[in-house]
Amino acid sequence: MTIERVALDVYNFVCDPRNLAKWASGLGDARKVRFAERNKFGVLDHWVSAGSGPEVYMPMRVFPNGDGAEVLLTVFRQPGTSEEKFAEDTQWVRRDLEALKEILET
């Protein structure tokens, strides 16, 4: 399998909404997620809405690296979010990304 193929497999898994519940625990049923249009650049940017308040923009990329792929997700600290809450949010995202890694490596 080529390096590009691995990154494409990761991209296809992540952008499939049916797979979100398998790895993205923070995106439960109460939240809506909309992804950027499919593209050949590995851009998985998405917007998350809990129904009240503005959508939260989450820049995300998948790109080839060595024998596999890397997933990069940026978490912006939202206005009015305490340092403690932001730390909790980033830990939650870390756990979700670790779950994604485990799924994709098995």
C-alpha atoms as a PDB file:
ATOM      1  CA  MET A   1       0.000   0.000   0.000  1.00  0.00           C
ATOM      2  CA  THR A   2       1.397   3.404  -0.899  1.00  0.00           C
ATOM      3  CA  ILE A   3       1.881   6.176   1.625  1.00  0.00           C
ATOM      4  CA  GLU A   4      -0.717   8.247  -0.163  1.00  0.00           C
ATOM      5  CA  ARG A   5      -3.140   5.321  -0.010  1.00  0.00           C
ATOM      6  CA  VAL A   6      -2.815   5.105   3.794  1.00  0.00           C
ATOM      7  CA  ALA A   7      -3.563   8.822   4.137  1.00  0.00           C
ATOM      8  CA  LEU A   8      -6.533   8.441   1.781  1.00  0.00           C
ATOM      9  CA  ASP A   9      -7.879   5.530   3.838  1.00  0.00           C
ATOM     10  CA  VAL A  10      -7.611   7.631   7.004  1.00  0.00           C
ATOM     11  CA  TYR A  11      -9.276  10.576   5.263  1.00  0.00           C
ATOM     12  CA  ASN A  12     -12.144   8.409   3.999  1.00  0.00           C
ATOM     13  CA  PHE A  13     -12.724   6.909   7.442  1.00  0.00           C
ATOM     14  CA  VAL A  14     -12.730  10.232   9.278  1.00  0.00           C
ATOM     15  CA  CYS A  15     -14.996  12.106   6.877  1.00  0.00           C
ATOM     16  CA  ASP A  16     -17.635   9.346   6.858  1.00  0.00           C
ATOM     17  CA  PRO A  17     -20.319  10.508   9.333  1.00  0.00           C
ATOM     18  CA  ARG A  18     -21.202   6.877  10.104  1.00  0.00           C
ATOM     19  CA  ASN A  19     -17.772   6.490  11.719  1.00  0.00           C
ATOM     20  CA  LEU A  20     -17.920   9.526  14.016  1.00  0.00           C
ATOM     21  CA  ALA A  21     -19.504   7.644  16.910  1.00  0.00           C
ATOM     22  CA  LYS A  22     -16.666   5.106  16.769  1.00  0.00           C
ATOM     23  CA  TRP A  23     -13.976   7.616  17.696  1.00  0.00           C
ATOM     24  CA  ALA A  24     -15.362  11.116  18.351  1.00  0.00           C
ATOM     25  CA  SER A  25     -17.004  10.759  21.769  1.00  0.00           C
ATOM     26  CA  GLY A  26     -17.336  14.526  22.110  1.00  0.00           C
ATOM     27  CA  LEU A  27     -19.704  14.681  19.164  1.00  0.00           C
ATOM     28  CA  GLY A  28     -22.665  12.881  20.702  1.00  0.00           C
ATOM     29  CA  ASP A  29     -26.182  12.950  19.296  1.00  0.00           C
ATOM     30  CA  ALA A  30     -26.832  16.432  20.682  1.00  0.00           C
ATOM     31  CA  ARG A  31     -24.250  17.921  18.321  1.00  0.00           C
ATOM     32  CA  LYS A  32     -24.304  18.476  14.587  1.00  0.00           C
ATOM     33  CA  VAL A  33     -21.132  18.278  12.542  1.00  0.00           C
ATOM     34  CA  ARG A  34     -20.589  19.543   9.031  1.00  0.00           C
ATOM     35  CA  PHE A  35     -17.376  18.825   7.176  1.00  0.00           C
ATOM     36  CA  ALA A  36     -15.676  20.795   4.427  1.00  0.00           C
ATOM     37  CA  GLU A  37     -16.357  19.410   0.980  1.00  0.00           C
ATOM     38  CA  ARG A  38     -14.379  16.290   0.058  1.00  0.00           C
ATOM     39  CA  ASN A  39     -11.060  17.251  -1.438  1.00  0.00           C
ATOM     40  CA  LYS A  40      -7.735  15.793  -2.539  1.00  0.00           C
ATOM     41  CA  PHE A  41      -5.689  17.787  -0.031  1.00  0.00           C
ATOM     42  CA  GLY A  42      -6.643  15.929   3.160  1.00  0.00           C
ATOM     43  CA  VAL A  43      -8.620  18.856   4.564  1.00  0.00           C
ATOM     44  CA  LEU A  44     -11.130  17.620   7.138  1.00  0.00           C
ATOM     45  CA  ASP A  45     -12.120  20.990   8.576  1.00  0.00           C
ATOM     46  CA  HIS A  46     -15.445  20.789  10.316  1.00  0.00           C
ATOM     47  CA  TRP A  47     -17.928  22.913  12.210  1.00  0.00           C
ATOM     48  CA  VAL A  48     -19.637  21.660  15.349  1.00  0.00           C
ATOM     49  CA  SER A  49     -22.947  22.958  16.640  1.00  0.00           C
ATOM     50  CA  ALA A  50     -24.699  22.037  19.874  1.00  0.00           C
ATOM     51  CA  GLY A  51     -27.867  23.778  18.746  1.00  0.00           C
ATOM     52  CA  SER A  52     -27.424  26.872  20.867  1.00  0.00           C
ATOM     53  CA  GLY A  53     -24.710  29.398  20.247  1.00  0.00           C
ATOM     54  CA  PRO A  54     -22.392  29.699  17.279  1.00  0.00           C
ATOM     55  CA  GLU A  55     -20.781  26.832  15.409  1.00  0.00           C
ATOM     56  CA  VAL A  56     -17.263  25.965  16.517  1.00  0.00           C
ATOM     57  CA  TYR A  57     -14.675  25.742  13.739  1.00  0.00           C
ATOM     58  CA  MET A  58     -12.233  22.822  14.008  1.00  0.00           C
ATOM     59  CA  PRO A  59      -9.413  22.839  11.424  1.00  0.00           C
ATOM     60  CA  MET A  60      -8.299  19.263  10.712  1.00  0.00           C
ATOM     61  CA  ARG A  61      -5.909  17.668   8.232  1.00  0.00           C
ATOM     62  CA  VAL A  62      -4.651  14.221   7.330  1.00  0.00           C
ATOM     63  CA  PHE A  63      -1.385  13.885   5.466  1.00  0.00           C
ATOM     64  CA  PRO A  64       1.097  11.146   4.580  1.00  0.00           C
ATOM     65  CA  ASN A  65       4.081  10.622   6.865  1.00  0.00           C
ATOM     66  CA  GLY A  66       6.591   7.811   6.428  1.00  0.00           C
ATOM     67  CA  ASP A  67       4.752   4.485   6.322  1.00  0.00           C
ATOM     68  CA  GLY A  68       1.483   5.965   7.479  1.00  0.00           C
ATOM     69  CA  ALA A  69      -0.461   9.135   7.990  1.00  0.00           C
ATOM     70  CA  GLU A  70      -0.754  11.940  10.519  1.00  0.00           C
ATOM     71  CA  VAL A  71      -3.943  13.615  11.680  1.00  0.00           C
ATOM     72  CA  LEU A  72      -3.684  17.204  12.855  1.00  0.00           C
ATOM     73  CA  LEU A  73      -6.591  18.841  14.678  1.00  0.00           C
ATOM     74  CA  THR A  74      -6.485  22.379  16.019  1.00  0.00           C
ATOM     75  CA  VAL A  75      -8.585  23.337  19.027  1.00  0.00           C
ATOM     76  CA  PHE A  76      -9.196  27.046  19.395  1.00  0.00           C
ATOM     77  CA  ARG A  77     -10.002  28.374  22.835  1.00  0.00           C
ATOM     78  CA  GLN A  78     -13.465  29.886  22.567  1.00  0.00           C
ATOM     79  CA  PRO A  79     -14.251  33.316  24.037  1.00  0.00           C
ATOM     80  CA  GLY A  80     -15.227  33.085  27.684  1.00  0.00           C
ATOM     81  CA  THR A  81     -13.735  29.609  28.138  1.00  0.00           C
ATOM     82  CA  SER A  82     -11.690  29.231  31.306  1.00  0.00           C
ATOM     83  CA  GLU A  83      -8.212  27.731  31.230  1.00  0.00           C
ATOM     84  CA  GLU A  84      -9.526  24.712  33.120  1.00  0.00           C
ATOM     85  CA  LYS A  85     -12.375  24.116  30.665  1.00  0.00           C
ATOM     86  CA  PHE A  86     -10.036  24.554  27.711  1.00  0.00           C
ATOM     87  CA  ALA A  87      -7.630  22.003  29.242  1.00  0.00           C
ATOM     88  CA  GLU A  88     -10.541  19.574  29.691  1.00  0.00           C
ATOM     89  CA  ASP A  89     -11.637  20.114  26.074  1.00  0.00           C
ATOM     90  CA  THR A  90      -8.150  19.525  24.683  1.00  0.00           C
ATOM     91  CA  GLN A  91      -7.771  16.354  26.781  1.00  0.00           C
ATOM     92  CA  TRP A  92     -11.095  15.126  25.418  1.00  0.00           C
ATOM     93  CA  VAL A  93      -9.904  15.753  21.871  1.00  0.00           C
ATOM     94  CA  ARG A  94      -6.644  13.935  22.653  1.00  0.00           C
ATOM     95  CA  ARG A  95      -8.601  10.892  23.884  1.00  0.00           C
ATOM     96  CA  ASP A  96     -10.738  10.946  20.745  1.00  0.00           C
ATOM     97  CA  LEU A  97      -7.658  11.117  18.518  1.00  0.00           C
ATOM     98  CA  GLU A  98      -6.065   8.247  20.446  1.00  0.00           C
ATOM     99  CA  ALA A  99      -9.259   6.227  19.895  1.00  0.00           C
ATOM    100  CA  LEU A 100      -9.090   7.050  16.185  1.00  0.00           C
ATOM    101  CA  LYS A 101      -5.463   5.902  16.067  1.00  0.00           C
ATOM    102  CA  GLU A 102      -6.315   2.636  17.792  1.00  0.00           C
ATOM    103  CA  ILE A 103      -9.184   1.924  15.400  1.00  0.00           C
ATOM    104  CA  LEU A 104      -7.117   2.682  12.321  1.00  0.00           C
ATOM    105  CA  GLU A 105      -4.119   0.645  13.453  1.00  0.00           C
ATOM    106  CA  THR A 106      -6.109  -2.534  14.103  1.00  0.00           C
END
